[in-house]
Amino acid sequence: MPEHCAVLDSSRIISVVVCDGPRDEATFAEAGRAACGARRPCGAWIWPSRDVAPATAPANHDGLTQAEVVSSQGVWVAERELFVRIERAE
C-alpha cells in the first residue's frame, strides 16, 4: 500500500480506500491491488480524502450513492487488473 493511502473499510467485495497524496493511476493501481489482495471479485474504490469517502464499505457496487461515485478518483477492478478512472463532466 502506498504510504499516503489507507483502507478505511472493506466488505466481501468492496474496499473503501483514501489516497491523499499523488493522484496518478500507478499509485491508484498499487493501492487497489493492496486493498483487494487475493479477493475476487473485488473493487477498491479510491477517494482523495476521508471527507468524501463513505465511512463503511457497501456490500456491492450498487450500494454506493451517485455522489460517492462521482467524488471518487475511480475503482480498481481486481479480476480485470484494471483501474477505471471516474471522469468529471466540465
PDB file of N, CA and C in Angstrom:
ATOM      1  N   MET A   1       0.857  -1.183   0.000  1.00  0.00           N
ATOM      2  CA  MET A   1       0.000   0.000   0.000  1.00  0.00           C
ATOM      3  C   MET A   1       0.899   1.242   0.000  1.00  0.00           C
ATOM      4  N   PRO A   2       0.641   2.177  -0.910  1.00  0.00           N
ATOM      5  CA  PRO A   2       1.401   3.431  -0.873  1.00  0.00           C
ATOM      6  C   PRO A   2       1.229   4.112   0.489  1.00  0.00           C
ATOM      7  N   GLU A   3       2.261   4.777   0.974  1.00  0.00           N
ATOM      8  CA  GLU A   3       2.224   5.312   2.339  1.00  0.00           C
ATOM      9  C   GLU A   3       1.170   6.390   2.553  1.00  0.00           C
ATOM     10  N   HIS A   4       0.735   7.070   1.515  1.00  0.00           N
ATOM     11  CA  HIS A   4      -0.288   8.114   1.667  1.00  0.00           C
ATOM     12  C   HIS A   4      -1.696   7.584   1.380  1.00  0.00           C
ATOM     13  N   CYS A   5      -1.832   6.253   1.320  1.00  0.00           N
ATOM     14  CA  CYS A   5      -3.134   5.613   1.085  1.00  0.00           C
ATOM     15  C   CYS A   5      -3.476   4.709   2.269  1.00  0.00           C
ATOM     16  N   ALA A   6      -4.770   4.535   2.511  1.00  0.00           N
ATOM     17  CA  ALA A   6      -5.220   3.669   3.598  1.00  0.00           C
ATOM     18  C   ALA A   6      -6.585   3.090   3.263  1.00  0.00           C
ATOM     19  N   VAL A   7      -6.812   1.857   3.699  1.00  0.00           N
ATOM     20  CA  VAL A   7      -8.129   1.230   3.583  1.00  0.00           C
ATOM     21  C   VAL A   7      -8.940   1.667   4.793  1.00  0.00           C
ATOM     22  N   LEU A   8     -10.099   2.287   4.548  1.00  0.00           N
ATOM     23  CA  LEU A   8     -10.966   2.712   5.643  1.00  0.00           C
ATOM     24  C   LEU A   8     -11.894   1.599   6.090  1.00  0.00           C
ATOM     25  N   ASP A   9     -12.375   0.798   5.125  1.00  0.00           N
ATOM     26  CA  ASP A   9     -13.304  -0.285   5.446  1.00  0.00           C
ATOM     27  C   ASP A   9     -13.379  -1.216   4.247  1.00  0.00           C
ATOM     28  N   SER A  10     -13.765  -2.467   4.504  1.00  0.00           N
ATOM     29  CA  SER A  10     -13.952  -3.442   3.421  1.00  0.00           C
ATOM     30  C   SER A  10     -15.147  -4.321   3.718  1.00  0.00           C
ATOM     31  N   SER A  11     -15.841  -4.689   2.658  1.00  0.00           N
ATOM     32  CA  SER A  11     -16.877  -5.719   2.723  1.00  0.00           C
ATOM     33  C   SER A  11     -16.332  -6.918   1.952  1.00  0.00           C
ATOM     34  N   ARG A  12     -17.155  -7.902   1.684  1.00  0.00           N
ATOM     35  CA  ARG A  12     -16.688  -9.080   0.949  1.00  0.00           C
ATOM     36  C   ARG A  12     -16.201  -8.700  -0.445  1.00  0.00           C
ATOM     37  N   ILE A  13     -16.820  -7.688  -1.068  1.00  0.00           N
ATOM     38  CA  ILE A  13     -16.497  -7.324  -2.452  1.00  0.00           C
ATOM     39  C   ILE A  13     -15.829  -5.954  -2.567  1.00  0.00           C
ATOM     40  N   ILE A  14     -16.185  -5.006  -1.722  1.00  0.00           N
ATOM     41  CA  ILE A  14     -15.761  -3.609  -1.874  1.00  0.00           C
ATOM     42  C   ILE A  14     -14.763  -3.195  -0.793  1.00  0.00           C
ATOM     43  N   SER A  15     -13.751  -2.427  -1.191  1.00  0.00           N
ATOM     44  CA  SER A  15     -12.865  -1.749  -0.239  1.00  0.00           C
ATOM     45  C   SER A  15     -12.981  -0.248  -0.464  1.00  0.00           C
ATOM     46  N   VAL A  16     -13.024   0.491   0.630  1.00  0.00           N
ATOM     47  CA  VAL A  16     -13.028   1.950   0.600  1.00  0.00           C
ATOM     48  C   VAL A  16     -11.603   2.395   0.928  1.00  0.00           C
ATOM     49  N   VAL A  17     -10.968   3.069  -0.030  1.00  0.00           N
ATOM     50  CA  VAL A  17      -9.566   3.470   0.095  1.00  0.00           C
ATOM     51  C   VAL A  17      -9.466   4.988  -0.049  1.00  0.00           C
ATOM     52  N   VAL A  18      -8.619   5.600   0.763  1.00  0.00           N
ATOM     53  CA  VAL A  18      -8.329   7.029   0.635  1.00  0.00           C
ATOM     54  C   VAL A  18      -6.853   7.183   0.302  1.00  0.00           C
ATOM     55  N   CYS A  19      -6.575   7.942  -0.759  1.00  0.00           N
ATOM     56  CA  CYS A  19      -5.203   8.295  -1.151  1.00  0.00           C
ATOM     57  C   CYS A  19      -5.131   9.810  -1.204  1.00  0.00           C
ATOM     58  N   ASP A  20      -4.459  10.400  -0.214  1.00  0.00           N
ATOM     59  CA  ASP A  20      -4.432  11.861  -0.146  1.00  0.00           C
ATOM     60  C   ASP A  20      -3.120  12.462  -0.635  1.00  0.00           C
ATOM     61  N   GLY A  21      -2.379  11.703  -1.422  1.00  0.00           N
ATOM     62  CA  GLY A  21      -1.121  12.193  -1.993  1.00  0.00           C
ATOM     63  C   GLY A  21      -1.234  12.307  -3.500  1.00  0.00           C
ATOM     64  N   PRO A  22      -0.182  11.906  -4.217  1.00  0.00           N
ATOM     65  CA  PRO A  22      -0.203  11.964  -5.687  1.00  0.00           C
ATOM     66  C   PRO A  22      -1.410  11.228  -6.263  1.00  0.00           C
ATOM     67  N   ARG A  23      -1.964  11.788  -7.319  1.00  0.00           N
ATOM     68  CA  ARG A  23      -3.183  11.221  -7.907  1.00  0.00           C
ATOM     69  C   ARG A  23      -2.906  10.652  -9.291  1.00  0.00           C
ATOM     70  N   ASP A  24      -1.965   9.725  -9.351  1.00  0.00           N
ATOM     71  CA  ASP A  24      -1.651   9.102 -10.633  1.00  0.00           C
ATOM     72  C   ASP A  24      -2.163   7.661 -10.640  1.00  0.00           C
ATOM     73  N   GLU A  25      -2.407   7.156 -11.831  1.00  0.00           N
ATOM     74  CA  GLU A  25      -3.019   5.832 -11.960  1.00  0.00           C
ATOM     75  C   GLU A  25      -2.142   4.711 -11.422  1.00  0.00           C
ATOM     76  N   ALA A  26      -0.830   4.849 -11.499  1.00  0.00           N
ATOM     77  CA  ALA A  26       0.055   3.814 -10.956  1.00  0.00           C
ATOM     78  C   ALA A  26      -0.125   3.703  -9.440  1.00  0.00           C
ATOM     79  N   THR A  27      -0.258   4.832  -8.762  1.00  0.00           N
ATOM     80  CA  THR A  27      -0.489   4.824  -7.317  1.00  0.00           C
ATOM     81  C   THR A  27      -1.833   4.197  -6.995  1.00  0.00           C
ATOM     82  N   PHE A  28      -2.869   4.570  -7.749  1.00  0.00           N
ATOM     83  CA  PHE A  28      -4.198   4.007  -7.511  1.00  0.00           C
ATOM     84  C   PHE A  28      -4.209   2.504  -7.751  1.00  0.00           C
ATOM     85  N   ALA A  29      -3.523   2.047  -8.797  1.00  0.00           N
ATOM     86  CA  ALA A  29      -3.456   0.612  -9.082  1.00  0.00           C
ATOM     87  C   ALA A  29      -2.746  -0.123  -7.953  1.00  0.00           C
ATOM     88  N   GLU A  30      -1.646   0.433  -7.453  1.00  0.00           N
ATOM     89  CA  GLU A  30      -0.920  -0.193  -6.344  1.00  0.00           C
ATOM     90  C   GLU A  30      -1.798  -0.268  -5.093  1.00  0.00           C
ATOM     91  N   ALA A  31      -2.510   0.812  -4.799  1.00  0.00           N
ATOM     92  CA  ALA A  31      -3.403   0.833  -3.638  1.00  0.00           C
ATOM     93  C   ALA A  31      -4.536  -0.171  -3.806  1.00  0.00           C
ATOM     94  N   GLY A  32      -5.097  -0.251  -5.006  1.00  0.00           N
ATOM     95  CA  GLY A  32      -6.174  -1.204  -5.268  1.00  0.00           C
ATOM     96  C   GLY A  32      -5.714  -2.643  -5.119  1.00  0.00           C
ATOM     97  N   ARG A  33      -4.550  -2.960  -5.677  1.00  0.00           N
ATOM     98  CA  ARG A  33      -4.001  -4.318  -5.540  1.00  0.00           C
ATOM     99  C   ARG A  33      -3.816  -4.682  -4.066  1.00  0.00           C
ATOM    100  N   ALA A  34      -3.259  -3.742  -3.302  1.00  0.00           N
ATOM    101  CA  ALA A  34      -3.026  -3.994  -1.881  1.00  0.00           C
ATOM    102  C   ALA A  34      -4.339  -4.154  -1.123  1.00  0.00           C
ATOM    103  N   ALA A  35      -5.329  -3.329  -1.440  1.00  0.00           N
ATOM    104  CA  ALA A  35      -6.616  -3.384  -0.739  1.00  0.00           C
ATOM    105  C   ALA A  35      -7.364  -4.679  -1.030  1.00  0.00           C
ATOM    106  N   CYS A  36      -7.316  -5.135  -2.276  1.00  0.00           N
ATOM    107  CA  CYS A  36      -8.055  -6.343  -2.656  1.00  0.00           C
ATOM    108  C   CYS A  36      -7.311  -7.625  -2.296  1.00  0.00           C
ATOM    109  N   GLY A  37      -5.986  -7.594  -2.352  1.00  0.00           N
ATOM    110  CA  GLY A  37      -5.236  -8.816  -2.087  1.00  0.00           C
ATOM    111  C   GLY A  37      -5.686  -9.918  -3.027  1.00  0.00           C
ATOM    112  N   ALA A  38      -6.022 -11.082  -2.472  1.00  0.00           N
ATOM    113  CA  ALA A  38      -6.450 -12.230  -3.277  1.00  0.00           C
ATOM    114  C   ALA A  38      -7.964 -12.288  -3.479  1.00  0.00           C
ATOM    115  N   ARG A  39      -8.717 -11.341  -2.902  1.00  0.00           N
ATOM    116  CA  ARG A  39     -10.188 -11.375  -3.040  1.00  0.00           C
ATOM    117  C   ARG A  39     -10.607 -11.180  -4.485  1.00  0.00           C
ATOM    118  N   ARG A  40     -11.507 -12.031  -4.938  1.00  0.00           N
ATOM    119  CA  ARG A  40     -12.111 -11.919  -6.265  1.00  0.00           C
ATOM    120  C   ARG A  40     -13.565 -12.366  -6.131  1.00  0.00           C
ATOM    121  N   PRO A  41     -14.535 -11.633  -6.591  1.00  0.00           N
ATOM    122  CA  PRO A  41     -14.379 -10.299  -7.170  1.00  0.00           C
ATOM    123  C   PRO A  41     -14.040  -9.284  -6.083  1.00  0.00           C
ATOM    124  N   CYS A  42     -13.410  -8.196  -6.516  1.00  0.00           N
ATOM    125  CA  CYS A  42     -13.083  -7.105  -5.595  1.00  0.00           C
ATOM    126  C   CYS A  42     -13.002  -5.803  -6.368  1.00  0.00           C
ATOM    127  N   GLY A  43     -13.592  -4.779  -5.794  1.00  0.00           N
ATOM    128  CA  GLY A  43     -13.471  -3.427  -6.321  1.00  0.00           C
ATOM    129  C   GLY A  43     -12.969  -2.520  -5.213  1.00  0.00           C
ATOM    130  N   ALA A  44     -11.818  -1.905  -5.419  1.00  0.00           N
ATOM    131  CA  ALA A  44     -11.265  -0.967  -4.445  1.00  0.00           C
ATOM    132  C   ALA A  44     -11.538   0.447  -4.949  1.00  0.00           C
ATOM    133  N   TRP A  45     -12.521   1.084  -4.355  1.00  0.00           N
ATOM    134  CA  TRP A  45     -12.878   2.452  -4.723  1.00  0.00           C
ATOM    135  C   TRP A  45     -11.949   3.403  -3.997  1.00  0.00           C
ATOM    136  N   ILE A  46     -11.453   4.405  -4.712  1.00  0.00           N
ATOM    137  CA  ILE A  46     -10.432   5.296  -4.164  1.00  0.00           C
ATOM    138  C   ILE A  46     -10.937   6.737  -4.155  1.00  0.00           C
ATOM    139  N   TRP A  47     -10.826   7.369  -2.969  1.00  0.00           N
ATOM    140  CA  TRP A  47     -11.234   8.761  -2.792  1.00  0.00           C
ATOM    141  C   TRP A  47     -10.035   9.605  -2.398  1.00  0.00           C
ATOM    142  N   PRO A  48     -10.095  10.932  -2.684  1.00  0.00           N
ATOM    143  CA  PRO A  48      -8.978  11.815  -2.365  1.00  0.00           C
ATOM    144  C   PRO A  48      -8.905  12.227  -0.895  1.00  0.00           C
ATOM    145  N   SER A  49      -9.990  12.033  -0.137  1.00  0.00           N
ATOM    146  CA  SER A  49      -9.971  12.401   1.282  1.00  0.00           C
ATOM    147  C   SER A  49     -11.055  11.635   2.030  1.00  0.00           C
ATOM    148  N   ARG A  50     -10.879  11.562   3.335  1.00  0.00           N
ATOM    149  CA  ARG A  50     -11.880  10.906   4.191  1.00  0.00           C
ATOM    150  C   ARG A  50     -13.201  11.671   4.177  1.00  0.00           C
ATOM    151  N   ASP A  51     -13.140  12.970   3.915  1.00  0.00           N
ATOM    152  CA  ASP A  51     -14.347  13.808   3.932  1.00  0.00           C
ATOM    153  C   ASP A  51     -15.382  13.375   2.905  1.00  0.00           C
ATOM    154  N   VAL A  52     -14.936  12.828   1.777  1.00  0.00           N
ATOM    155  CA  VAL A  52     -15.870  12.454   0.710  1.00  0.00           C
ATOM    156  C   VAL A  52     -16.048  10.941   0.579  1.00  0.00           C
ATOM    157  N   ALA A  53     -15.237  10.161   1.275  1.00  0.00           N
ATOM    158  CA  ALA A  53     -15.338   8.697   1.206  1.00  0.00           C
ATOM    159  C   ALA A  53     -16.430   8.200   2.149  1.00  0.00           C
ATOM    160  N   PRO A  54     -17.124   7.126   1.768  1.00  0.00           N
ATOM    161  CA  PRO A  54     -18.105   6.558   2.694  1.00  0.00           C
ATOM    162  C   PRO A  54     -17.395   5.966   3.916  1.00  0.00           C
ATOM    163  N   ALA A  55     -18.039   6.029   5.063  1.00  0.00           N
ATOM    164  CA  ALA A  55     -17.443   5.512   6.299  1.00  0.00           C
ATOM    165  C   ALA A  55     -17.388   3.992   6.314  1.00  0.00           C
ATOM    166  N   THR A  56     -18.373   3.364   5.665  1.00  0.00           N
ATOM    167  CA  THR A  56     -18.410   1.901   5.620  1.00  0.00           C
ATOM    168  C   THR A  56     -18.532   1.436   4.177  1.00  0.00           C
ATOM    169  N   ALA A  57     -17.936   0.298   3.910  1.00  0.00           N
ATOM    170  CA  ALA A  57     -17.989  -0.276   2.563  1.00  0.00           C
ATOM    171  C   ALA A  57     -19.340  -0.944   2.344  1.00  0.00           C
ATOM    172  N   PRO A  58     -20.004  -0.651   1.224  1.00  0.00           N
ATOM    173  CA  PRO A  58     -21.267  -1.328   0.929  1.00  0.00           C
ATOM    174  C   PRO A  58     -21.013  -2.787   0.554  1.00  0.00           C
ATOM    175  N   ALA A  59     -22.065  -3.574   0.527  1.00  0.00           N
ATOM    176  CA  ALA A  59     -21.938  -4.990   0.175  1.00  0.00           C
ATOM    177  C   ALA A  59     -21.509  -5.178  -1.275  1.00  0.00           C
ATOM    178  N   ASN A  60     -21.941  -4.246  -2.147  1.00  0.00           N
ATOM    179  CA  ASN A  60     -21.576  -4.339  -3.569  1.00  0.00           C
ATOM    180  C   ASN A  60     -21.534  -2.928  -4.167  1.00  0.00           C
ATOM    181  N   HIS A  61     -21.167  -2.844  -5.437  1.00  0.00           N
ATOM    182  CA  HIS A  61     -21.023  -1.541  -6.100  1.00  0.00           C
ATOM    183  C   HIS A  61     -22.324  -0.745  -6.112  1.00  0.00           C
ATOM    184  N   ASP A  62     -23.462  -1.428  -6.205  1.00  0.00           N
ATOM    185  CA  ASP A  62     -24.756  -0.739  -6.237  1.00  0.00           C
ATOM    186  C   ASP A  62     -25.056  -0.002  -4.937  1.00  0.00           C
ATOM    187  N   GLY A  63     -24.347  -0.333  -3.875  1.00  0.00           N
ATOM    188  CA  GLY A  63     -24.559   0.312  -2.589  1.00  0.00           C
ATOM    189  C   GLY A  63     -23.926   1.686  -2.473  1.00  0.00           C
ATOM    190  N   LEU A  64     -23.141   2.084  -3.464  1.00  0.00           N
ATOM    191  CA  LEU A  64     -22.555   3.428  -3.466  1.00  0.00           C
ATOM    192  C   LEU A  64     -23.556   4.416  -4.052  1.00  0.00           C
ATOM    193  N   THR A  65     -23.648   5.591  -3.453  1.00  0.00           N
ATOM    194  CA  THR A  65     -24.529   6.619  -3.999  1.00  0.00           C
ATOM    195  C   THR A  65     -23.861   7.257  -5.212  1.00  0.00           C
ATOM    196  N   GLN A  66     -24.639   7.952  -6.018  1.00  0.00           N
ATOM    197  CA  GLN A  66     -24.075   8.653  -7.164  1.00  0.00           C
ATOM    198  C   GLN A  66     -23.059   9.694  -6.695  1.00  0.00           C
ATOM    199  N   ALA A  67     -23.362  10.388  -5.610  1.00  0.00           N
ATOM    200  CA  ALA A  67     -22.435  11.391  -5.078  1.00  0.00           C
ATOM    201  C   ALA A  67     -21.113  10.749  -4.663  1.00  0.00           C
ATOM    202  N   GLU A  68     -21.171   9.564  -4.065  1.00  0.00           N
ATOM    203  CA  GLU A  68     -19.944   8.862  -3.674  1.00  0.00           C
ATOM    204  C   GLU A  68     -19.139   8.443  -4.897  1.00  0.00           C
ATOM    205  N   VAL A  69     -19.824   7.956  -5.918  1.00  0.00           N
ATOM    206  CA  VAL A  69     -19.129   7.532  -7.140  1.00  0.00           C
ATOM    207  C   VAL A  69     -18.433   8.716  -7.799  1.00  0.00           C
ATOM    208  N   VAL A  70     -19.146   9.825  -8.001  1.00  0.00           N
ATOM    209  CA  VAL A  70     -18.552  10.952  -8.729  1.00  0.00           C
ATOM    210  C   VAL A  70     -17.495  11.694  -7.913  1.00  0.00           C
ATOM    211  N   SER A  71     -17.496  11.539  -6.602  1.00  0.00           N
ATOM    212  CA  SER A  71     -16.451  12.171  -5.795  1.00  0.00           C
ATOM    213  C   SER A  71     -15.204  11.295  -5.679  1.00  0.00           C
ATOM    214  N   SER A  72     -15.280  10.066  -6.196  1.00  0.00           N
ATOM    215  CA  SER A  72     -14.124   9.163  -6.145  1.00  0.00           C
ATOM    216  C   SER A  72     -13.150   9.469  -7.279  1.00  0.00           C
ATOM    217  N   GLN A  73     -11.942   8.955  -7.122  1.00  0.00           N
ATOM    218  CA  GLN A  73     -10.960   9.019  -8.208  1.00  0.00           C
ATOM    219  C   GLN A  73     -11.249   7.926  -9.227  1.00  0.00           C
ATOM    220  N   GLY A  74     -11.828   6.812  -8.743  1.00  0.00           N
ATOM    221  CA  GLY A  74     -12.123   5.675  -9.607  1.00  0.00           C
ATOM    222  C   GLY A  74     -12.105   4.389  -8.812  1.00  0.00           C
ATOM    223  N   VAL A  75     -12.079   3.272  -9.533  1.00  0.00           N
ATOM    224  CA  VAL A  75     -12.140   1.959  -8.888  1.00  0.00           C
ATOM    225  C   VAL A  75     -11.124   1.012  -9.518  1.00  0.00           C
ATOM    226  N   TRP A  76     -10.429   0.267  -8.668  1.00  0.00           N
ATOM    227  CA  TRP A  76      -9.550  -0.811  -9.108  1.00  0.00           C
ATOM    228  C   TRP A  76     -10.420  -2.062  -9.206  1.00  0.00           C
ATOM    229  N   VAL A  77     -10.487  -2.670 -10.391  1.00  0.00           N
ATOM    230  CA  VAL A  77     -11.264  -3.891 -10.612  1.00  0.00           C
ATOM    231  C   VAL A  77     -10.269  -5.046 -10.614  1.00  0.00           C
ATOM    232  N   ALA A  78     -10.216  -5.769  -9.513  1.00  0.00           N
ATOM    233  CA  ALA A  78      -9.167  -6.773  -9.314  1.00  0.00           C
ATOM    234  C   ALA A  78      -9.212  -7.897 -10.335  1.00  0.00           C
ATOM    235  N   GLU A  79     -10.412  -8.375 -10.649  1.00  0.00           N
ATOM    236  CA  GLU A  79     -10.495  -9.520 -11.560  1.00  0.00           C
ATOM    237  C   GLU A  79     -10.061  -9.171 -12.978  1.00  0.00           C
ATOM    238  N   ARG A  80     -10.011  -7.892 -13.306  1.00  0.00           N
ATOM    239  CA  ARG A  80      -9.538  -7.435 -14.625  1.00  0.00           C
ATOM    240  C   ARG A  80      -8.159  -6.788 -14.561  1.00  0.00           C
ATOM    241  N   GLU A  81      -7.634  -6.607 -13.334  1.00  0.00           N
ATOM    242  CA  GLU A  81      -6.348  -5.914 -13.155  1.00  0.00           C
ATOM    243  C   GLU A  81      -6.377  -4.560 -13.868  1.00  0.00           C
ATOM    244  N   LEU A  82      -7.435  -3.770 -13.569  1.00  0.00           N
ATOM    245  CA  LEU A  82      -7.698  -2.541 -14.310  1.00  0.00           C
ATOM    246  C   LEU A  82      -8.187  -1.438 -13.372  1.00  0.00           C
ATOM    247  N   PHE A  83      -7.609  -0.237 -13.504  1.00  0.00           N
ATOM    248  CA  PHE A  83      -8.119   0.923 -12.789  1.00  0.00           C
ATOM    249  C   PHE A  83      -9.017   1.710 -13.728  1.00  0.00           C
ATOM    250  N   VAL A  84     -10.240   1.974 -13.301  1.00  0.00           N
ATOM    251  CA  VAL A  84     -11.208   2.737 -14.094  1.00  0.00           C
ATOM    252  C   VAL A  84     -11.361   4.106 -13.431  1.00  0.00           C
ATOM    253  N   ARG A  85     -10.882   5.135 -14.109  1.00  0.00           N
ATOM    254  CA  ARG A  85     -10.946   6.496 -13.566  1.00  0.00           C
ATOM    255  C   ARG A  85     -12.350   7.073 -13.767  1.00  0.00           C
ATOM    256  N   ILE A  86     -12.829   7.771 -12.756  1.00  0.00           N
ATOM    257  CA  ILE A  86     -14.104   8.478 -12.860  1.00  0.00           C
ATOM    258  C   ILE A  86     -13.801   9.882 -13.380  1.00  0.00           C
ATOM    259  N   GLU A  87     -14.304  10.178 -14.557  1.00  0.00           N
ATOM    260  CA  GLU A  87     -14.100  11.498 -15.168  1.00  0.00           C
ATOM    261  C   GLU A  87     -15.240  12.415 -14.760  1.00  0.00           C
ATOM    262  N   ARG A  88     -14.900  13.635 -14.475  1.00  0.00           N
ATOM    263  CA  ARG A  88     -15.908  14.626 -14.112  1.00  0.00           C
ATOM    264  C   ARG A  88     -16.265  15.467 -15.330  1.00  0.00           C
ATOM    265  N   ALA A  89     -17.553  15.648 -15.549  1.00  0.00           N
ATOM    266  CA  ALA A  89     -18.007  16.491 -16.662  1.00  0.00           C
ATOM    267  C   ALA A  89     -17.721  17.949 -16.316  1.00  0.00           C
ATOM    268  N   GLU A  90     -17.264  18.683 -17.286  1.00  0.00           N
ATOM    269  CA  GLU A  90     -16.965  20.113 -17.071  1.00  0.00           C
ATOM    270  C   GLU A  90     -18.158  20.952 -17.443  1.00  0.00           C
TER     271      GLU A  90
END
